[in-house]
Amino acid sequence: MALFDQIDRDLVTARKERDDVRLSTLGLLKSEVVKAAKEPGASWPDDQLVLRVIRKEVKRREEAAQFYASAGRAESAGREEAEAAVLRAYLPAQVGEEELEREVRAVIDEVRPQSQRDFGAVMKVASARLAGRAEGGRIAAAARRLIGS
């Protein structure tokens, strides 16, 4: 089942169960996915588009939660964290540090960078290979650490 369809079904379930946090979070997510699908060059919500929107929304919630917490608004921060948790349930599992390092090491062996200047080539291949399973910052940190050593 497509991820967009799963979100739609879960939205109906949240409505039936009167789960306000899931209902508002999934409603906004569905709206954002439809909006992203209407952008020029985008296709109807395939899983990659939906995952990209989910990652963006999770990041937005995490930043808002940090902002609220630093401003002393614990209730608002808690709500943002709860919404982020609902969204994270739709993301694929992130790879662990050992597997990430193993994948990046395999990419480095494949690309054979001569120096730090070839970092972009390593990142291009590694990002494609680890798409959806690791954040770009984590991939970059591992690549820098392994290329430098």
C-alpha atoms as a PDB file:
ATOM      1  CA  MET A   1       0.000   0.000   0.000  1.00  0.00           C
ATOM      2  CA  ALA A   2       1.272   3.451  -0.884  1.00  0.00           C
ATOM      3  CA  LEU A   3       2.374   5.639   2.001  1.00  0.00           C
ATOM      4  CA  PHE A   4      -0.089   8.385   1.063  1.00  0.00           C
ATOM      5  CA  ASP A   5      -2.958   5.890   1.188  1.00  0.00           C
ATOM      6  CA  GLN A   6      -1.762   4.636   4.579  1.00  0.00           C
ATOM      7  CA  ILE A   7      -1.724   8.187   5.927  1.00  0.00           C
ATOM      8  CA  ASP A   8      -5.233   8.718   4.562  1.00  0.00           C
ATOM      9  CA  ARG A   9      -6.495   5.540   6.289  1.00  0.00           C
ATOM     10  CA  ASP A  10      -4.776   6.494   9.537  1.00  0.00           C
ATOM     11  CA  LEU A  11      -6.395   9.928   9.323  1.00  0.00           C
ATOM     12  CA  VAL A  12      -9.834   8.284   9.157  1.00  0.00           C
ATOM     13  CA  THR A  13      -8.925   6.013  12.084  1.00  0.00           C
ATOM     14  CA  ALA A  14      -7.741   8.996  14.148  1.00  0.00           C
ATOM     15  CA  ARG A  15     -11.012  10.768  13.389  1.00  0.00           C
ATOM     16  CA  LYS A  16     -13.023   7.735  14.543  1.00  0.00           C
ATOM     17  CA  GLU A  17     -10.914   7.376  17.698  1.00  0.00           C
ATOM     18  CA  ARG A  18     -11.089  11.138  18.358  1.00  0.00           C
ATOM     19  CA  ASP A  19      -7.292  11.288  18.694  1.00  0.00           C
ATOM     20  CA  ASP A  20      -6.755  15.038  18.402  1.00  0.00           C
ATOM     21  CA  VAL A  21      -2.961  14.999  18.083  1.00  0.00           C
ATOM     22  CA  ARG A  22      -2.882  12.350  15.337  1.00  0.00           C
ATOM     23  CA  LEU A  23      -5.889  13.910  13.601  1.00  0.00           C
ATOM     24  CA  SER A  24      -4.406  17.405  13.376  1.00  0.00           C
ATOM     25  CA  THR A  25      -0.899  16.143  12.551  1.00  0.00           C
ATOM     26  CA  LEU A  26      -2.015  13.788   9.790  1.00  0.00           C
ATOM     27  CA  GLY A  27      -4.468  16.337   8.413  1.00  0.00           C
ATOM     28  CA  LEU A  28      -1.717  18.915   8.093  1.00  0.00           C
ATOM     29  CA  LEU A  29       0.655  16.309   6.652  1.00  0.00           C
ATOM     30  CA  LYS A  30      -1.872  15.303   4.000  1.00  0.00           C
ATOM     31  CA  SER A  31      -2.385  18.965   3.123  1.00  0.00           C
ATOM     32  CA  GLU A  32       1.377  19.532   2.807  1.00  0.00           C
ATOM     33  CA  VAL A  33       1.796  16.432   0.625  1.00  0.00           C
ATOM     34  CA  VAL A  34      -0.988  17.545  -1.728  1.00  0.00           C
ATOM     35  CA  LYS A  35       0.541  21.026  -1.882  1.00  0.00           C
ATOM     36  CA  ALA A  36       3.970  19.551  -2.685  1.00  0.00           C
ATOM     37  CA  ALA A  37       2.437  17.319  -5.372  1.00  0.00           C
ATOM     38  CA  LYS A  38       1.015  20.386  -7.113  1.00  0.00           C
ATOM     39  CA  GLU A  39       4.422  22.007  -7.498  1.00  0.00           C
ATOM     40  CA  PRO A  40       5.811  22.112 -11.044  1.00  0.00           C
ATOM     41  CA  GLY A  41       7.635  18.920 -11.942  1.00  0.00           C
ATOM     42  CA  ALA A  42       6.201  16.897  -9.055  1.00  0.00           C
ATOM     43  CA  SER A  43       4.162  13.775  -9.623  1.00  0.00           C
ATOM     44  CA  TRP A  44       1.127  12.644  -7.675  1.00  0.00           C
ATOM     45  CA  PRO A  45       2.249  11.684  -4.179  1.00  0.00           C
ATOM     46  CA  ASP A  46       4.639   8.803  -4.609  1.00  0.00           C
ATOM     47  CA  ASP A  47       6.416   7.446  -1.547  1.00  0.00           C
ATOM     48  CA  GLN A  48       9.581   9.523  -2.127  1.00  0.00           C
ATOM     49  CA  LEU A  49       7.614  12.765  -2.193  1.00  0.00           C
ATOM     50  CA  VAL A  50       5.679  11.787   0.926  1.00  0.00           C
ATOM     51  CA  LEU A  51       8.871  10.833   2.790  1.00  0.00           C
ATOM     52  CA  ARG A  52      10.504  14.127   1.824  1.00  0.00           C
ATOM     53  CA  VAL A  53       7.517  16.065   3.177  1.00  0.00           C
ATOM     54  CA  ILE A  54       7.452  13.974   6.368  1.00  0.00           C
ATOM     55  CA  ARG A  55      11.160  14.619   7.006  1.00  0.00           C
ATOM     56  CA  LYS A  56      10.622  18.350   6.488  1.00  0.00           C
ATOM     57  CA  GLU A  57       7.665  18.369   8.884  1.00  0.00           C
ATOM     58  CA  VAL A  58       9.555  16.354  11.539  1.00  0.00           C
ATOM     59  CA  LYS A  59      12.434  18.809  11.353  1.00  0.00           C
ATOM     60  CA  ARG A  60       9.993  21.727  11.634  1.00  0.00           C
ATOM     61  CA  ARG A  61       8.373  20.158  14.729  1.00  0.00           C
ATOM     62  CA  GLU A  62      11.735  19.459  16.379  1.00  0.00           C
ATOM     63  CA  GLU A  63      12.904  23.030  15.825  1.00  0.00           C
ATOM     64  CA  ALA A  64       9.621  24.410  17.170  1.00  0.00           C
ATOM     65  CA  ALA A  65       9.842  22.161  20.235  1.00  0.00           C
ATOM     66  CA  GLN A  66      13.361  23.414  20.971  1.00  0.00           C
ATOM     67  CA  PHE A  67      12.223  27.008  20.538  1.00  0.00           C
ATOM     68  CA  TYR A  68       9.235  26.529  22.829  1.00  0.00           C
ATOM     69  CA  ALA A  69      11.341  24.741  25.448  1.00  0.00           C
ATOM     70  CA  SER A  70      13.929  27.518  25.464  1.00  0.00           C
ATOM     71  CA  ALA A  71      11.110  30.063  25.845  1.00  0.00           C
ATOM     72  CA  GLY A  72       9.736  28.176  28.856  1.00  0.00           C
ATOM     73  CA  ARG A  73       6.589  26.932  27.131  1.00  0.00           C
ATOM     74  CA  ALA A  74       6.756  23.268  28.102  1.00  0.00           C
ATOM     75  CA  GLU A  75       3.151  22.506  27.090  1.00  0.00           C
ATOM     76  CA  SER A  76       3.675  23.764  23.523  1.00  0.00           C
ATOM     77  CA  ALA A  77       7.024  21.971  23.326  1.00  0.00           C
ATOM     78  CA  GLY A  78       5.336  18.739  24.445  1.00  0.00           C
ATOM     79  CA  ARG A  79       2.676  19.061  21.761  1.00  0.00           C
ATOM     80  CA  GLU A  80       5.312  19.616  19.058  1.00  0.00           C
ATOM     81  CA  GLU A  81       7.232  16.560  20.288  1.00  0.00           C
ATOM     82  CA  ALA A  82       4.031  14.476  20.221  1.00  0.00           C
ATOM     83  CA  GLU A  83       3.345  15.571  16.647  1.00  0.00           C
ATOM     84  CA  ALA A  84       6.936  14.749  15.655  1.00  0.00           C
ATOM     85  CA  ALA A  85       6.512  11.276  17.173  1.00  0.00           C
ATOM     86  CA  VAL A  86       3.364  10.700  15.096  1.00  0.00           C
ATOM     87  CA  LEU A  87       5.246  11.701  11.949  1.00  0.00           C
ATOM     88  CA  ARG A  88       8.351   9.632  12.769  1.00  0.00           C
ATOM     89  CA  ALA A  89       6.188   6.498  12.743  1.00  0.00           C
ATOM     90  CA  TYR A  90       5.946   6.857   8.944  1.00  0.00           C
ATOM     91  CA  LEU A  91       9.687   7.192   8.360  1.00  0.00           C
ATOM     92  CA  PRO A  92      11.795   4.128   7.599  1.00  0.00           C
ATOM     93  CA  ALA A  93      14.152   2.995  10.336  1.00  0.00           C
ATOM     94  CA  GLN A  94      17.428   4.909  10.450  1.00  0.00           C
ATOM     95  CA  VAL A  95      20.638   2.927  10.055  1.00  0.00           C
ATOM     96  CA  GLY A  96      22.925   2.581  13.052  1.00  0.00           C
ATOM     97  CA  GLU A  97      26.373   4.176  13.220  1.00  0.00           C
ATOM     98  CA  GLU A  98      28.177   0.910  12.427  1.00  0.00           C
ATOM     99  CA  GLU A  99      26.086   0.194   9.335  1.00  0.00           C
ATOM    100  CA  LEU A 100      26.363   3.819   8.221  1.00  0.00           C
ATOM    101  CA  GLU A 101      30.125   3.689   8.507  1.00  0.00           C
ATOM    102  CA  ARG A 102      30.236   0.349   6.662  1.00  0.00           C
ATOM    103  CA  GLU A 103      28.121   1.743   3.780  1.00  0.00           C
ATOM    104  CA  VAL A 104      30.177   4.942   3.521  1.00  0.00           C
ATOM    105  CA  ARG A 105      33.407   2.913   3.609  1.00  0.00           C
ATOM    106  CA  ALA A 106      32.068   0.786   0.716  1.00  0.00           C
ATOM    107  CA  VAL A 107      31.262   3.955  -1.243  1.00  0.00           C
ATOM    108  CA  ILE A 108      34.758   5.320  -0.582  1.00  0.00           C
ATOM    109  CA  ASP A 109      36.269   2.051  -1.819  1.00  0.00           C
ATOM    110  CA  GLU A 110      34.084   2.316  -4.923  1.00  0.00           C
ATOM    111  CA  VAL A 111      34.729   6.014  -5.683  1.00  0.00           C
ATOM    112  CA  ARG A 112      38.370   6.049  -4.485  1.00  0.00           C
ATOM    113  CA  PRO A 113      38.684   9.738  -3.573  1.00  0.00           C
ATOM    114  CA  GLN A 114      42.184  11.207  -3.892  1.00  0.00           C
ATOM    115  CA  SER A 115      41.658  13.954  -1.320  1.00  0.00           C
ATOM    116  CA  GLN A 116      39.017  15.957   0.553  1.00  0.00           C
ATOM    117  CA  ARG A 117      38.208  17.680  -2.761  1.00  0.00           C
ATOM    118  CA  ASP A 118      36.474  14.484  -3.912  1.00  0.00           C
ATOM    119  CA  PHE A 119      34.091  14.700  -0.964  1.00  0.00           C
ATOM    120  CA  GLY A 120      31.218  15.731  -3.274  1.00  0.00           C
ATOM    121  CA  ALA A 121      31.539  12.603  -5.401  1.00  0.00           C
ATOM    122  CA  VAL A 122      31.488  10.415  -2.295  1.00  0.00           C
ATOM    123  CA  MET A 123      28.452  12.256  -0.926  1.00  0.00           C
ATOM    124  CA  LYS A 124      26.562  11.920  -4.199  1.00  0.00           C
ATOM    125  CA  VAL A 125      26.917   8.133  -4.264  1.00  0.00           C
ATOM    126  CA  ALA A 126      26.495   7.673  -0.503  1.00  0.00           C
ATOM    127  CA  SER A 127      23.370   9.861  -0.363  1.00  0.00           C
ATOM    128  CA  ALA A 128      21.771   7.893  -3.175  1.00  0.00           C
ATOM    129  CA  ARG A 129      22.638   4.578  -1.539  1.00  0.00           C
ATOM    130  CA  LEU A 130      21.422   5.599   1.925  1.00  0.00           C
ATOM    131  CA  ALA A 131      18.426   7.684   0.843  1.00  0.00           C
ATOM    132  CA  GLY A 132      15.717   7.617   3.476  1.00  0.00           C
ATOM    133  CA  ARG A 133      17.778   5.565   5.884  1.00  0.00           C
ATOM    134  CA  ALA A 134      20.228   8.220   7.091  1.00  0.00           C
ATOM    135  CA  GLU A 135      20.232  11.997   7.278  1.00  0.00           C
ATOM    136  CA  GLY A 136      22.637  13.919   5.087  1.00  0.00           C
ATOM    137  CA  GLY A 137      24.476  15.389   8.063  1.00  0.00           C
ATOM    138  CA  ARG A 138      25.230  11.961   9.475  1.00  0.00           C
ATOM    139  CA  ILE A 139      26.418  10.726   6.066  1.00  0.00           C
ATOM    140  CA  ALA A 140      28.640  13.792   5.632  1.00  0.00           C
ATOM    141  CA  ALA A 141      30.181  13.409   9.090  1.00  0.00           C
ATOM    142  CA  ALA A 142      31.002   9.755   8.461  1.00  0.00           C
ATOM    143  CA  ALA A 143      32.404  10.529   5.004  1.00  0.00           C
ATOM    144  CA  ARG A 144      34.630  13.347   6.314  1.00  0.00           C
ATOM    145  CA  ARG A 145      35.879  11.163   9.139  1.00  0.00           C
ATOM    146  CA  LEU A 146      36.684   8.239   6.808  1.00  0.00           C
ATOM    147  CA  ILE A 147      38.183  10.291   3.964  1.00  0.00           C
ATOM    148  CA  GLY A 148      40.374  12.175   6.431  1.00  0.00           C
ATOM    149  CA  SER A 149      41.728   8.981   7.971  1.00  0.00           C
END
